[in-house]
Amino acid sequence: MPILRKTAQEKDAGRKLKYFVRGDLGVSYTQFAALKMSGGVRVNGERAQANHLLKPGDVVEVALSEDAPVHAVAPEFLPVNIVYENDDFYIVDKPAPLPCQCSQRQENGTLENRLAARFGEKFVFRPLNRLDKGTSGLMCAAKHAHACQLLQRQLHTGGFVREYLAIVEGEIDGEFTINAPIAKAEEASVRRVVDFARGKPSVTHARAVSRGNGRTLLRLKLETGRTHQIRVHMAHIGHPVVGDFLYGREEERLPGRFALHSAHLALEWSETAFSFDAPLPEALRSLLEI
């Protein structure tokens, strides 16, 4: 059961407990209502009412209830690379090709199955950033609902940074930004297209890192997080991601995947900045060799 704990400061003197818990601890209105009923909010170890007035030095504790899994996930005892873990979230380096989550069509053979084996029977998968089956690299996932709620507030802000490495067809120089709205190609399709009439705002910043073999290694930073955003944008400007069988063409050296890698992830948690990096896999580096 996750426990949130914080000490009231001089500025909190006379402040109502409910505002402290919802403001400083980030507990939602719905969560706080449930906590009141269960006695999950305490001050200095004693159960307290919502309108309790705080004094400097009061220790406020909130015991969040565990949420049950929506569905059972079959554990698969296969390798999973957890690069960082604390009580609230973890960072995993996903290989490719490997789907992130189970679905009606695929109940096994996913990262979720491997994580279920790693974390046990009460495991609930709460990814903050999802990667396509064919994309490798860093993902962040929350361990409990409250952490997920707080981390989701950071998405698409300067507090949650995602950078990718992609090898694209053709040679490109310098830095550039692609500002092109993305929409579904058609209702039943997984394809996305640039559509200035009905698309949602989509912005990708890119910088050429190196070139070789008629291809370019780009470092890309997402300002928005649309489905297939990098893949769609690169195809739109005539430089599809190498091996992208949906928006370009397959590459026999990349069975089941394409040359896109989540290389950098940074976030803020408990007033601490975290930063993680994952090097480009050898299978992708070799694509630039002549």
C-alpha atoms as a PDB file:
ATOM      1  CA  MET A   1       0.000   0.000   0.000  1.00  0.00           C
ATOM      2  CA  PRO A   2       1.690   3.270  -1.099  1.00  0.00           C
ATOM      3  CA  ILE A   3       2.152   5.801   1.720  1.00  0.00           C
ATOM      4  CA  LEU A   4       2.462   9.523   0.959  1.00  0.00           C
ATOM      5  CA  ARG A   5       4.087  11.536   3.736  1.00  0.00           C
ATOM      6  CA  LYS A   6       4.850  15.244   4.076  1.00  0.00           C
ATOM      7  CA  THR A   7       5.546  17.643   6.943  1.00  0.00           C
ATOM      8  CA  ALA A   8       3.591  20.899   7.210  1.00  0.00           C
ATOM      9  CA  GLN A   9       5.730  24.052   7.085  1.00  0.00           C
ATOM     10  CA  GLU A  10       5.296  27.532   8.599  1.00  0.00           C
ATOM     11  CA  LYS A  11       3.383  28.619   5.492  1.00  0.00           C
ATOM     12  CA  ASP A  12       0.833  25.834   6.144  1.00  0.00           C
ATOM     13  CA  ALA A  13      -0.179  27.097   9.600  1.00  0.00           C
ATOM     14  CA  GLY A  14      -3.985  27.202   9.804  1.00  0.00           C
ATOM     15  CA  ARG A  15      -4.409  25.496   6.447  1.00  0.00           C
ATOM     16  CA  LYS A  16      -7.145  22.887   6.148  1.00  0.00           C
ATOM     17  CA  LEU A  17      -5.942  19.315   5.816  1.00  0.00           C
ATOM     18  CA  LYS A  18      -8.017  18.649   2.674  1.00  0.00           C
ATOM     19  CA  TYR A  19      -6.322  21.462   0.774  1.00  0.00           C
ATOM     20  CA  PHE A  20      -2.861  20.325   1.889  1.00  0.00           C
ATOM     21  CA  VAL A  21      -3.504  16.730   0.772  1.00  0.00           C
ATOM     22  CA  ARG A  22      -5.049  17.699  -2.557  1.00  0.00           C
ATOM     23  CA  GLY A  23      -2.556  20.478  -3.270  1.00  0.00           C
ATOM     24  CA  ASP A  24       0.838  19.487  -1.854  1.00  0.00           C
ATOM     25  CA  LEU A  25       0.426  15.711  -2.147  1.00  0.00           C
ATOM     26  CA  GLY A  26      -1.432  15.829  -5.464  1.00  0.00           C
ATOM     27  CA  VAL A  27      -4.310  13.586  -4.368  1.00  0.00           C
ATOM     28  CA  SER A  28      -7.345  13.955  -6.615  1.00  0.00           C
ATOM     29  CA  TYR A  29     -10.780  15.001  -5.309  1.00  0.00           C
ATOM     30  CA  THR A  30     -12.138  11.482  -5.938  1.00  0.00           C
ATOM     31  CA  GLN A  31      -9.213   9.832  -4.167  1.00  0.00           C
ATOM     32  CA  PHE A  32      -9.548  12.138  -1.178  1.00  0.00           C
ATOM     33  CA  ALA A  33     -13.284  11.396  -0.883  1.00  0.00           C
ATOM     34  CA  ALA A  34     -12.501   7.664  -0.712  1.00  0.00           C
ATOM     35  CA  LEU A  35      -9.706   8.247   1.790  1.00  0.00           C
ATOM     36  CA  LYS A  36     -12.058  10.122   4.133  1.00  0.00           C
ATOM     37  CA  MET A  37     -14.376   7.100   4.221  1.00  0.00           C
ATOM     38  CA  SER A  38     -11.592   4.607   4.863  1.00  0.00           C
ATOM     39  CA  GLY A  39      -9.648   6.646   7.412  1.00  0.00           C
ATOM     40  CA  GLY A  40      -6.640   6.759   5.121  1.00  0.00           C
ATOM     41  CA  VAL A  41      -5.564  10.284   6.110  1.00  0.00           C
ATOM     42  CA  ARG A  42      -3.642  10.788   9.363  1.00  0.00           C
ATOM     43  CA  VAL A  43      -1.901  13.667  11.100  1.00  0.00           C
ATOM     44  CA  ASN A  44       0.904  12.726  13.490  1.00  0.00           C
ATOM     45  CA  GLY A  45      -0.332   9.140  13.375  1.00  0.00           C
ATOM     46  CA  GLU A  46      -3.931   9.967  14.306  1.00  0.00           C
ATOM     47  CA  ARG A  47      -6.968   9.837  12.053  1.00  0.00           C
ATOM     48  CA  ALA A  48      -7.956  13.395  11.100  1.00  0.00           C
ATOM     49  CA  GLN A  49     -10.959  15.159   9.599  1.00  0.00           C
ATOM     50  CA  ALA A  50     -10.841  16.967   6.262  1.00  0.00           C
ATOM     51  CA  ASN A  51     -11.190  20.405   7.921  1.00  0.00           C
ATOM     52  CA  HIS A  52      -8.452  19.772  10.492  1.00  0.00           C
ATOM     53  CA  LEU A  53      -6.250  22.878  10.771  1.00  0.00           C
ATOM     54  CA  LEU A  54      -2.555  22.167  10.383  1.00  0.00           C
ATOM     55  CA  LYS A  55       0.316  23.401  12.530  1.00  0.00           C
ATOM     56  CA  PRO A  56       3.960  23.662  11.409  1.00  0.00           C
ATOM     57  CA  GLY A  57       5.677  20.337  12.018  1.00  0.00           C
ATOM     58  CA  ASP A  58       2.533  18.224  11.617  1.00  0.00           C
ATOM     59  CA  VAL A  59       3.317  15.015   9.727  1.00  0.00           C
ATOM     60  CA  VAL A  60       0.575  14.210   7.240  1.00  0.00           C
ATOM     61  CA  GLU A  61       0.282  10.629   5.999  1.00  0.00           C
ATOM     62  CA  VAL A  62      -1.970   9.335   3.247  1.00  0.00           C
ATOM     63  CA  ALA A  63      -2.395   5.573   2.781  1.00  0.00           C
ATOM     64  CA  LEU A  64      -3.471   4.927  -0.793  1.00  0.00           C
ATOM     65  CA  SER A  65      -5.398   1.741  -1.461  1.00  0.00           C
ATOM     66  CA  GLU A  66      -4.081  -0.780  -3.930  1.00  0.00           C
ATOM     67  CA  ASP A  67      -6.140  -1.003  -7.109  1.00  0.00           C
ATOM     68  CA  ALA A  68      -6.832  -4.502  -8.378  1.00  0.00           C
ATOM     69  CA  PRO A  69      -5.787  -5.608 -11.870  1.00  0.00           C
ATOM     70  CA  VAL A  70      -8.516  -5.164 -14.487  1.00  0.00           C
ATOM     71  CA  HIS A  71      -7.605  -8.522 -15.988  1.00  0.00           C
ATOM     72  CA  ALA A  72      -5.214 -11.336 -15.201  1.00  0.00           C
ATOM     73  CA  VAL A  73      -1.973 -11.275 -17.170  1.00  0.00           C
ATOM     74  CA  ALA A  74      -0.155 -14.548 -17.747  1.00  0.00           C
ATOM     75  CA  PRO A  75       3.415 -14.149 -16.452  1.00  0.00           C
ATOM     76  CA  GLU A  76       6.244 -15.007 -18.831  1.00  0.00           C
ATOM     77  CA  PHE A  77       9.640 -15.548 -17.239  1.00  0.00           C
ATOM     78  CA  LEU A  78      11.701 -13.977 -19.994  1.00  0.00           C
ATOM     79  CA  PRO A  79      14.368 -11.251 -19.801  1.00  0.00           C
ATOM     80  CA  VAL A  80      13.225  -7.730 -18.998  1.00  0.00           C
ATOM     81  CA  ASN A  81      15.688  -4.867 -18.575  1.00  0.00           C
ATOM     82  CA  ILE A  82      14.652  -2.581 -15.693  1.00  0.00           C
ATOM     83  CA  VAL A  83      17.190   0.254 -15.770  1.00  0.00           C
ATOM     84  CA  TYR A  84      15.766   2.089 -12.729  1.00  0.00           C
ATOM     85  CA  GLU A  85      13.132   1.389 -10.078  1.00  0.00           C
ATOM     86  CA  ASN A  86      11.767   3.042  -6.934  1.00  0.00           C
ATOM     87  CA  ASP A  87       8.544   2.711  -4.937  1.00  0.00           C
ATOM     88  CA  ASP A  88       6.573   4.832  -7.412  1.00  0.00           C
ATOM     89  CA  PHE A  89       7.776   4.171 -10.964  1.00  0.00           C
ATOM     90  CA  TYR A  90      10.280   2.240 -13.036  1.00  0.00           C
ATOM     91  CA  ILE A  91      12.127   2.652 -16.326  1.00  0.00           C
ATOM     92  CA  VAL A  92      12.343  -0.294 -18.686  1.00  0.00           C
ATOM     93  CA  ASP A  93      14.421  -0.689 -21.848  1.00  0.00           C
ATOM     94  CA  LYS A  94      12.089  -2.520 -24.261  1.00  0.00           C
ATOM     95  CA  PRO A  95      13.583  -4.635 -27.037  1.00  0.00           C
ATOM     96  CA  ALA A  96      12.061  -4.840 -30.514  1.00  0.00           C
ATOM     97  CA  PRO A  97      10.063  -6.430 -31.956  1.00  0.00           C
ATOM     98  CA  LEU A  98       8.056  -6.813 -28.760  1.00  0.00           C
ATOM     99  CA  PRO A  99       4.498  -5.510 -28.210  1.00  0.00           C
ATOM    100  CA  CYS A 100       3.979  -3.379 -25.099  1.00  0.00           C
ATOM    101  CA  GLN A 101       0.617  -4.640 -23.899  1.00  0.00           C
ATOM    102  CA  CYS A 102      -1.704  -7.602 -24.056  1.00  0.00           C
ATOM    103  CA  SER A 103      -4.832  -7.333 -26.178  1.00  0.00           C
ATOM    104  CA  GLN A 104      -7.731  -9.493 -27.274  1.00  0.00           C
ATOM    105  CA  ARG A 105      -5.689 -10.516 -30.284  1.00  0.00           C
ATOM    106  CA  GLN A 106      -2.488 -11.107 -28.327  1.00  0.00           C
ATOM    107  CA  GLU A 107      -2.667 -12.346 -24.748  1.00  0.00           C
ATOM    108  CA  ASN A 108       0.945 -13.515 -24.561  1.00  0.00           C
ATOM    109  CA  GLY A 109       4.373 -12.577 -25.845  1.00  0.00           C
ATOM    110  CA  THR A 110       4.319  -8.935 -24.692  1.00  0.00           C
ATOM    111  CA  LEU A 111       6.353  -6.723 -22.391  1.00  0.00           C
ATOM    112  CA  GLU A 112       3.360  -6.719 -20.035  1.00  0.00           C
ATOM    113  CA  ASN A 113       3.623 -10.510 -19.664  1.00  0.00           C
ATOM    114  CA  ARG A 114       7.310 -10.255 -18.794  1.00  0.00           C
ATOM    115  CA  LEU A 115       6.679  -7.481 -16.281  1.00  0.00           C
ATOM    116  CA  ALA A 116       3.887  -9.527 -14.673  1.00  0.00           C
ATOM    117  CA  ALA A 117       6.464 -12.222 -13.955  1.00  0.00           C
ATOM    118  CA  ARG A 118       8.875  -9.630 -12.617  1.00  0.00           C
ATOM    119  CA  PHE A 119       6.439  -7.833 -10.259  1.00  0.00           C
ATOM    120  CA  GLY A 120       4.026 -10.589  -9.174  1.00  0.00           C
ATOM    121  CA  GLU A 121       0.315 -11.361  -9.100  1.00  0.00           C
ATOM    122  CA  LYS A 122      -0.984  -7.882  -8.149  1.00  0.00           C
ATOM    123  CA  PHE A 123       0.869  -6.261 -11.031  1.00  0.00           C
ATOM    124  CA  VAL A 124      -0.962  -3.549 -12.994  1.00  0.00           C
ATOM    125  CA  PHE A 125       0.745  -2.153 -16.099  1.00  0.00           C
ATOM    126  CA  ARG A 126       0.584   1.662 -16.174  1.00  0.00           C
ATOM    127  CA  PRO A 127       2.863   2.861 -18.991  1.00  0.00           C
ATOM    128  CA  LEU A 128       3.314   6.622 -19.324  1.00  0.00           C
ATOM    129  CA  ASN A 129       4.800   6.476 -22.815  1.00  0.00           C
ATOM    130  CA  ARG A 130       4.033   3.564 -25.122  1.00  0.00           C
ATOM    131  CA  LEU A 131       6.305   2.264 -27.855  1.00  0.00           C
ATOM    132  CA  ASP A 132       5.276   0.481 -31.029  1.00  0.00           C
ATOM    133  CA  LYS A 133       6.160  -3.194 -31.329  1.00  0.00           C
ATOM    134  CA  GLY A 134       8.904  -2.295 -33.788  1.00  0.00           C
ATOM    135  CA  THR A 135      10.429   0.459 -31.628  1.00  0.00           C
ATOM    136  CA  SER A 136      13.021  -0.260 -28.953  1.00  0.00           C
ATOM    137  CA  GLY A 137      14.168   1.746 -25.971  1.00  0.00           C
ATOM    138  CA  LEU A 138      13.127   3.507 -22.792  1.00  0.00           C
ATOM    139  CA  MET A 139       9.645   3.514 -21.310  1.00  0.00           C
ATOM    140  CA  CYS A 140       8.368   4.847 -17.993  1.00  0.00           C
ATOM    141  CA  ALA A 141       5.613   3.072 -16.055  1.00  0.00           C
ATOM    142  CA  ALA A 142       3.977   3.927 -12.722  1.00  0.00           C
ATOM    143  CA  LYS A 143       3.706   1.405  -9.917  1.00  0.00           C
ATOM    144  CA  HIS A 144       0.456   2.724  -8.494  1.00  0.00           C
ATOM    145  CA  ALA A 145      -2.482   4.857  -9.598  1.00  0.00           C
ATOM    146  CA  HIS A 146      -1.447   7.979  -7.706  1.00  0.00           C
ATOM    147  CA  ALA A 147       2.029   8.020  -9.265  1.00  0.00           C
ATOM    148  CA  CYS A 148       0.438   7.472 -12.666  1.00  0.00           C
ATOM    149  CA  GLN A 149      -1.856  10.456 -12.130  1.00  0.00           C
ATOM    150  CA  LEU A 150       1.022  12.765 -11.137  1.00  0.00           C
ATOM    151  CA  LEU A 151       3.318  11.618 -13.945  1.00  0.00           C
ATOM    152  CA  GLN A 152       0.564  12.016 -16.521  1.00  0.00           C
ATOM    153  CA  ARG A 153       0.391  15.702 -15.591  1.00  0.00           C
ATOM    154  CA  GLN A 154       4.003  16.028 -16.771  1.00  0.00           C
ATOM    155  CA  LEU A 155       3.416  14.467 -20.180  1.00  0.00           C
ATOM    156  CA  HIS A 156       3.857  16.941 -23.041  1.00  0.00           C
ATOM    157  CA  THR A 157       5.452  19.467 -20.681  1.00  0.00           C
ATOM    158  CA  GLY A 158       9.062  20.414 -20.120  1.00  0.00           C
ATOM    159  CA  GLY A 159       9.105  18.110 -17.106  1.00  0.00           C
ATOM    160  CA  PHE A 160       8.761  14.904 -19.135  1.00  0.00           C
ATOM    161  CA  VAL A 161      11.235  14.778 -22.013  1.00  0.00           C
ATOM    162  CA  ARG A 162      11.461  12.041 -24.659  1.00  0.00           C
ATOM    163  CA  GLU A 163      14.131  11.891 -27.318  1.00  0.00           C
ATOM    164  CA  TYR A 164      14.501   9.290 -30.035  1.00  0.00           C
ATOM    165  CA  LEU A 165      17.176   8.143 -32.439  1.00  0.00           C
ATOM    166  CA  ALA A 166      15.992   7.217 -35.920  1.00  0.00           C
ATOM    167  CA  ILE A 167      17.806   6.149 -39.053  1.00  0.00           C
ATOM    168  CA  VAL A 168      15.974   7.467 -42.093  1.00  0.00           C
ATOM    169  CA  GLU A 169      16.328   6.989 -45.821  1.00  0.00           C
ATOM    170  CA  GLY A 170      18.308   9.708 -47.632  1.00  0.00           C
ATOM    171  CA  GLU A 171      20.748  12.318 -46.394  1.00  0.00           C
ATOM    172  CA  ILE A 172      19.688  15.327 -44.301  1.00  0.00           C
ATOM    173  CA  ASP A 173      21.750  18.119 -42.744  1.00  0.00           C
ATOM    174  CA  GLY A 174      21.254  20.442 -39.792  1.00  0.00           C
ATOM    175  CA  GLU A 175      18.274  20.983 -37.525  1.00  0.00           C
ATOM    176  CA  PHE A 176      14.622  21.323 -38.491  1.00  0.00           C
ATOM    177  CA  THR A 177      11.099  21.166 -37.115  1.00  0.00           C
ATOM    178  CA  ILE A 178       8.125  19.378 -38.623  1.00  0.00           C
ATOM    179  CA  ASN A 179       4.816  21.006 -37.710  1.00  0.00           C
ATOM    180  CA  ALA A 180       2.185  18.930 -39.470  1.00  0.00           C
ATOM    181  CA  PRO A 181      -1.150  17.774 -37.952  1.00  0.00           C
ATOM    182  CA  ILE A 182      -1.823  14.031 -37.879  1.00  0.00           C
ATOM    183  CA  ALA A 183      -5.126  12.178 -38.303  1.00  0.00           C
ATOM    184  CA  LYS A 184      -6.281   8.598 -38.810  1.00  0.00           C
ATOM    185  CA  ALA A 185      -6.058   7.541 -42.443  1.00  0.00           C
ATOM    186  CA  GLU A 186      -9.498   5.958 -42.159  1.00  0.00           C
ATOM    187  CA  GLU A 187     -11.652   4.718 -39.305  1.00  0.00           C
ATOM    188  CA  ALA A 188     -10.669   1.034 -39.448  1.00  0.00           C
ATOM    189  CA  SER A 189      -6.986   1.575 -40.209  1.00  0.00           C
ATOM    190  CA  VAL A 190      -3.954   1.777 -37.920  1.00  0.00           C
ATOM    191  CA  ARG A 191      -2.314   4.112 -40.430  1.00  0.00           C
ATOM    192  CA  ARG A 192      -1.976   7.811 -39.720  1.00  0.00           C
ATOM    193  CA  VAL A 193      -1.549  10.601 -42.241  1.00  0.00           C
ATOM    194  CA  VAL A 194      -0.687  14.273 -42.265  1.00  0.00           C
ATOM    195  CA  ASP A 195      -4.002  16.072 -42.676  1.00  0.00           C
ATOM    196  CA  PHE A 196      -4.096  19.853 -42.306  1.00  0.00           C
ATOM    197  CA  ALA A 197      -7.907  19.917 -42.333  1.00  0.00           C
ATOM    198  CA  ARG A 198      -8.781  17.410 -39.622  1.00  0.00           C
ATOM    199  CA  GLY A 199      -5.490  16.401 -37.990  1.00  0.00           C
ATOM    200  CA  LYS A 200      -4.434  17.109 -34.405  1.00  0.00           C
ATOM    201  CA  PRO A 201      -1.447  19.435 -33.841  1.00  0.00           C
ATOM    202  CA  SER A 202       1.788  17.453 -34.093  1.00  0.00           C
ATOM    203  CA  VAL A 203       5.301  18.868 -33.717  1.00  0.00           C
ATOM    204  CA  THR A 204       8.622  17.030 -34.025  1.00  0.00           C
ATOM    205  CA  HIS A 205      12.064  18.625 -33.631  1.00  0.00           C
ATOM    206  CA  ALA A 206      14.969  16.890 -35.398  1.00  0.00           C
ATOM    207  CA  ARG A 207      18.746  17.205 -35.665  1.00  0.00           C
ATOM    208  CA  ALA A 208      21.055  15.283 -38.001  1.00  0.00           C
ATOM    209  CA  VAL A 209      23.729  13.385 -36.041  1.00  0.00           C
ATOM    210  CA  SER A 210      25.594  11.427 -38.738  1.00  0.00           C
ATOM    211  CA  ARG A 211      25.219   9.997 -42.236  1.00  0.00           C
ATOM    212  CA  GLY A 212      26.289   6.862 -44.052  1.00  0.00           C
ATOM    213  CA  ASN A 213      25.193   4.367 -46.658  1.00  0.00           C
ATOM    214  CA  GLY A 214      22.741   6.909 -48.101  1.00  0.00           C
ATOM    215  CA  ARG A 215      21.000   7.255 -44.746  1.00  0.00           C
ATOM    216  CA  THR A 216      20.896   9.722 -41.844  1.00  0.00           C
ATOM    217  CA  LEU A 217      20.882   9.214 -38.101  1.00  0.00           C
ATOM    218  CA  LEU A 218      18.524  11.767 -36.542  1.00  0.00           C
ATOM    219  CA  ARG A 219      17.951  12.753 -32.947  1.00  0.00           C
ATOM    220  CA  LEU A 220      14.301  13.700 -32.490  1.00  0.00           C
ATOM    221  CA  LYS A 221      12.405  15.379 -29.691  1.00  0.00           C
ATOM    222  CA  LEU A 222       8.635  15.185 -29.431  1.00  0.00           C
ATOM    223  CA  GLU A 223       6.642  18.270 -28.543  1.00  0.00           C
ATOM    224  CA  THR A 224       3.401  16.299 -28.923  1.00  0.00           C
ATOM    225  CA  GLY A 225       2.772  12.574 -28.647  1.00  0.00           C
ATOM    226  CA  ARG A 226       0.579  11.392 -31.503  1.00  0.00           C
ATOM    227  CA  THR A 227       0.383   7.756 -32.560  1.00  0.00           C
ATOM    228  CA  HIS A 228       3.196   6.958 -35.043  1.00  0.00           C
ATOM    229  CA  GLN A 229       4.207  10.637 -34.952  1.00  0.00           C
ATOM    230  CA  ILE A 230       7.875  10.283 -35.913  1.00  0.00           C
ATOM    231  CA  ARG A 231       7.136   7.644 -38.530  1.00  0.00           C
ATOM    232  CA  VAL A 232       4.386   9.719 -40.149  1.00  0.00           C
ATOM    233  CA  HIS A 233       6.367  12.947 -40.099  1.00  0.00           C
ATOM    234  CA  MET A 234       9.497  11.416 -41.602  1.00  0.00           C
ATOM    235  CA  ALA A 235       7.514   9.730 -44.373  1.00  0.00           C
ATOM    236  CA  HIS A 236       5.716  13.041 -44.985  1.00  0.00           C
ATOM    237  CA  ILE A 237       8.991  14.846 -45.773  1.00  0.00           C
ATOM    238  CA  GLY A 238      10.220  12.011 -47.989  1.00  0.00           C
ATOM    239  CA  HIS A 239      12.655  10.391 -45.531  1.00  0.00           C
ATOM    240  CA  PRO A 240      10.851   7.368 -44.035  1.00  0.00           C
ATOM    241  CA  VAL A 241      12.348   5.479 -41.114  1.00  0.00           C
ATOM    242  CA  VAL A 242      14.458   2.588 -42.383  1.00  0.00           C
ATOM    243  CA  GLY A 243      12.533  -0.679 -42.209  1.00  0.00           C
ATOM    244  CA  ASP A 244       9.164   0.995 -41.618  1.00  0.00           C
ATOM    245  CA  PHE A 245       6.914  -1.478 -43.409  1.00  0.00           C
ATOM    246  CA  LEU A 246       3.821   0.706 -42.852  1.00  0.00           C
ATOM    247  CA  TYR A 247       5.118   4.065 -44.080  1.00  0.00           C
ATOM    248  CA  GLY A 248       8.167   3.076 -46.114  1.00  0.00           C
ATOM    249  CA  ARG A 249       9.624  -0.291 -47.006  1.00  0.00           C
ATOM    250  CA  GLU A 250      10.900  -3.319 -45.124  1.00  0.00           C
ATOM    251  CA  GLU A 251      14.582  -3.870 -44.382  1.00  0.00           C
ATOM    252  CA  GLU A 252      15.625  -7.540 -44.393  1.00  0.00           C
ATOM    253  CA  ARG A 253      18.217  -6.871 -41.685  1.00  0.00           C
ATOM    254  CA  LEU A 254      15.467  -5.682 -39.302  1.00  0.00           C
ATOM    255  CA  PRO A 255      12.921  -8.506 -39.165  1.00  0.00           C
ATOM    256  CA  GLY A 256       9.747  -7.304 -37.464  1.00  0.00           C
ATOM    257  CA  ARG A 257      11.127  -3.918 -36.458  1.00  0.00           C
ATOM    258  CA  PHE A 258      12.330  -0.585 -37.836  1.00  0.00           C
ATOM    259  CA  ALA A 259      15.158   1.838 -37.081  1.00  0.00           C
ATOM    260  CA  LEU A 260      13.528   3.842 -34.287  1.00  0.00           C
ATOM    261  CA  HIS A 261      14.833   3.838 -30.706  1.00  0.00           C
ATOM    262  CA  SER A 262      13.710   5.663 -27.554  1.00  0.00           C
ATOM    263  CA  ALA A 263      17.161   6.852 -26.483  1.00  0.00           C
ATOM    264  CA  HIS A 264      16.559   9.433 -23.747  1.00  0.00           C
ATOM    265  CA  LEU A 265      13.902   9.952 -21.091  1.00  0.00           C
ATOM    266  CA  ALA A 266      13.887  12.614 -18.390  1.00  0.00           C
ATOM    267  CA  LEU A 267      11.295  13.442 -15.730  1.00  0.00           C
ATOM    268  CA  GLU A 268      10.848  15.137 -12.367  1.00  0.00           C
ATOM    269  CA  TRP A 269       9.723  13.330  -9.238  1.00  0.00           C
ATOM    270  CA  SER A 270       9.642  14.476  -5.612  1.00  0.00           C
ATOM    271  CA  GLU A 271      11.594  17.612  -6.498  1.00  0.00           C
ATOM    272  CA  THR A 272      14.338  15.489  -8.077  1.00  0.00           C
ATOM    273  CA  ALA A 273      15.302  15.429 -11.754  1.00  0.00           C
ATOM    274  CA  PHE A 274      15.847  11.996 -13.296  1.00  0.00           C
ATOM    275  CA  SER A 275      17.550  11.335 -16.623  1.00  0.00           C
ATOM    276  CA  PHE A 276      18.064   8.038 -18.454  1.00  0.00           C
ATOM    277  CA  ASP A 277      19.816   7.065 -21.681  1.00  0.00           C
ATOM    278  CA  ALA A 278      19.865   3.894 -23.773  1.00  0.00           C
ATOM    279  CA  PRO A 279      22.465   3.526 -26.566  1.00  0.00           C
ATOM    280  CA  LEU A 280      21.452   2.760 -30.136  1.00  0.00           C
ATOM    281  CA  PRO A 281      21.321  -1.037 -30.631  1.00  0.00           C
ATOM    282  CA  GLU A 282      24.056  -2.551 -32.782  1.00  0.00           C
ATOM    283  CA  ALA A 283      21.479  -3.815 -35.298  1.00  0.00           C
ATOM    284  CA  LEU A 284      20.597  -0.188 -36.026  1.00  0.00           C
ATOM    285  CA  ARG A 285      24.129   1.226 -35.945  1.00  0.00           C
ATOM    286  CA  SER A 286      25.192  -1.220 -38.648  1.00  0.00           C
ATOM    287  CA  LEU A 287      22.644   0.274 -41.070  1.00  0.00           C
ATOM    288  CA  LEU A 288      24.840   3.319 -41.523  1.00  0.00           C
ATOM    289  CA  GLU A 289      27.903   1.306 -42.485  1.00  0.00           C
ATOM    290  CA  ILE A 290      28.863   1.220 -46.133  1.00  0.00           C
END
